[in-house]
Every structure is written in C-alpha cells, then in structure tokens.
C-alpha cells in the first residue's frame, strides 16, 4: 500500500513552497497613473485577482491535506465518510484528502 503520510507531507511542502514564490503576485497593485498606463494597470489587477484566487485554493487544499494527516493518526484515513467502506487506493493517490468513495461521490453529485 502507498505511504500516504509521505505523499501528503510532500504535497503540503510543495504547496507551501508555491506560497512563498507567489507572494509578489498577490501584492497590492499600484494605481499611480504617472508610472503605468491604464491597460497595464488593468492587466496587473486581473493578474492580482487570479493570484488571489489561486492562493485561496491553495489554502483550502492545505487544510484538506492537514485534515487527511489527522485521519491517518486517528485510523480513519481511507474510510468513506458516507458509507464507511474503504476508498479505492487509486482514488486516494489522485486526491489523498478525499472523503468519499466513488459510489458515494457519484450519488452526491447526482443529488441522491
């Protein structure tokens, strides 16, 4: 079986490294019209908004991964929170923070 603890810790480290390198992109955009043109400011504002959205997704993913580590410690990792059946290892490799087996996730998406 895959060492999910190591996989999750690696993903957390990777996301934390991305955070350090992307801080400049989320910084406040200067609106000084004497230093840059209107289109450049619009591009900068759009870039800033995209970087902020990516940062929000990164923070959310970090939270999910840390919760997955807690589930490993408590012995509930890989257990579907809906039906208590085991989540397929292949599914956990793709997203080790997943909470539902494929059947329960599909049922939820279809509104059942």
Protein backbone atom coordinates (compact mmCIF):
# COMPACT_ATOMS: atom_id res chain seq x y z
CA UNK A 1 0.00 0.00 0.00
CA UNK A 2 1.11 3.54 -0.73
CA UNK A 3 2.72 5.54 2.07
CA UNK A 4 0.02 8.20 2.15
CA UNK A 5 1.60 10.06 5.08
CA UNK A 6 4.72 10.74 2.99
CA UNK A 7 2.63 11.60 -0.09
CA UNK A 8 0.51 14.09 1.87
CA UNK A 9 3.53 15.69 3.57
CA UNK A 10 5.23 16.11 0.17
CA UNK A 11 2.14 17.79 -1.26
CA UNK A 12 1.93 20.10 1.76
CA UNK A 13 5.60 21.05 1.33
CA UNK A 14 5.09 21.68 -2.39
CA UNK A 15 2.09 23.94 -1.71
CA UNK A 16 3.97 25.85 0.98
CA UNK A 17 6.85 26.39 -1.45
CA UNK A 18 4.43 27.74 -4.04
CA UNK A 19 3.06 30.18 -1.46
CA UNK A 20 6.49 31.67 -0.86
CA UNK A 21 7.14 32.15 -4.56
CA UNK A 22 3.72 33.67 -5.34
CA UNK A 23 3.53 36.36 -2.65
CA UNK A 24 4.59 39.08 -5.08
CA UNK A 25 1.72 38.24 -7.44
CA UNK A 26 -0.89 38.86 -4.73
CA UNK A 27 0.63 42.16 -3.60
CA UNK A 28 -1.41 45.35 -3.88
CA UNK A 29 -1.36 46.88 -7.36
CA UNK A 30 -0.16 50.47 -7.55
CA UNK A 31 -2.69 52.74 -9.22
CA UNK A 32 -0.27 55.57 -9.97
CA UNK A 33 -1.22 56.76 -13.46
CA UNK A 34 2.10 58.54 -13.90
CA UNK A 35 4.01 55.27 -13.61
CA UNK A 36 1.96 52.93 -15.80
CA UNK A 37 -0.84 53.11 -18.32
CA UNK A 38 -4.47 52.16 -17.83
CA UNK A 39 -4.20 48.84 -19.70
CA UNK A 40 -1.11 47.86 -17.75
CA UNK A 41 -2.96 48.55 -14.50
CA UNK A 42 -5.95 46.53 -15.71
CA UNK A 43 -3.65 43.63 -16.58
CA UNK A 44 -1.98 43.93 -13.18
CA UNK A 45 -5.35 43.95 -11.38
CA UNK A 46 -6.51 40.91 -13.34
CA UNK A 47 -3.25 39.10 -12.55
CA UNK A 48 -3.63 40.01 -8.90
CA UNK A 49 -7.21 38.67 -8.78
CA UNK A 50 -6.12 35.41 -10.40
CA UNK A 51 -3.22 35.05 -7.96
CA UNK A 52 -5.52 35.71 -5.01
CA UNK A 53 -7.98 33.05 -6.22
CA UNK A 54 -5.12 30.58 -6.63
CA UNK A 55 -3.95 31.41 -3.11
CA UNK A 56 -7.44 30.73 -1.73
CA UNK A 57 -7.49 27.33 -3.47
CA UNK A 58 -4.00 26.58 -2.14
CA UNK A 59 -5.01 27.42 1.44
CA UNK A 60 -8.16 25.28 1.11
CA UNK A 61 -6.14 22.35 -0.25
CA UNK A 62 -3.59 22.69 2.56
CA UNK A 63 -6.40 22.48 5.09
CA UNK A 64 -7.81 19.37 3.45
CA UNK A 65 -4.37 17.72 3.39
CA UNK A 66 -3.71 18.53 7.05
CA UNK A 67 -7.09 17.04 7.94
CA UNK A 68 -6.11 13.91 5.98
CA UNK A 69 -2.98 13.62 8.14
CA UNK A 70 -5.20 13.82 11.22
CA UNK A 71 -7.34 11.00 9.79
CA UNK A 72 -4.19 8.89 9.34
CA UNK A 73 -3.33 9.47 13.01
CA UNK A 74 -6.87 8.58 14.14
CA UNK A 75 -7.03 5.48 11.95
CA UNK A 76 -9.93 6.67 9.79
CA UNK A 77 -7.93 7.59 6.68
CA UNK A 78 -9.25 5.93 3.53
CA UNK A 79 -12.67 5.33 5.02
CA UNK A 80 -15.68 6.84 3.24
CA UNK A 81 -17.47 9.31 5.49
CA UNK A 82 -20.83 8.37 4.00
CA UNK A 83 -20.86 4.57 3.96
CA UNK A 84 -17.71 3.70 6.00
CA UNK A 85 -16.43 1.48 3.16
CA UNK A 86 -12.81 1.72 2.03
CA UNK A 87 -11.95 4.34 -0.57
CA UNK A 88 -10.05 2.86 -3.53
CA UNK A 89 -6.28 3.33 -3.28
CA UNK A 90 -6.17 4.71 -6.83
CA UNK A 91 -8.67 7.41 -5.82
CA UNK A 92 -6.62 8.28 -2.75
CA UNK A 93 -3.44 8.54 -4.84
CA UNK A 94 -5.12 11.18 -7.00
CA UNK A 95 -6.57 13.07 -4.04
CA UNK A 96 -5.41 11.81 -0.64
CA UNK A 97 -7.74 14.31 1.04
CA UNK A 98 -10.87 12.81 -0.50
CA UNK A 99 -13.61 11.92 1.97
CA UNK A 100 -15.94 9.82 -0.17
CA UNK A 101 -15.71 6.59 -2.13
CA UNK A 102 -16.56 6.77 -5.81
CA UNK A 103 -20.11 5.45 -5.35
CA UNK A 104 -20.97 7.98 -2.62
CA UNK A 105 -19.31 10.85 -4.50
CA UNK A 106 -21.29 9.97 -7.65
CA UNK A 107 -24.53 9.70 -5.69
CA UNK A 108 -23.91 13.09 -4.08
CA UNK A 109 -23.22 14.72 -7.47
CA UNK A 110 -26.46 13.27 -8.84
CA UNK A 111 -28.39 14.53 -5.84
CA UNK A 112 -29.25 11.13 -4.42
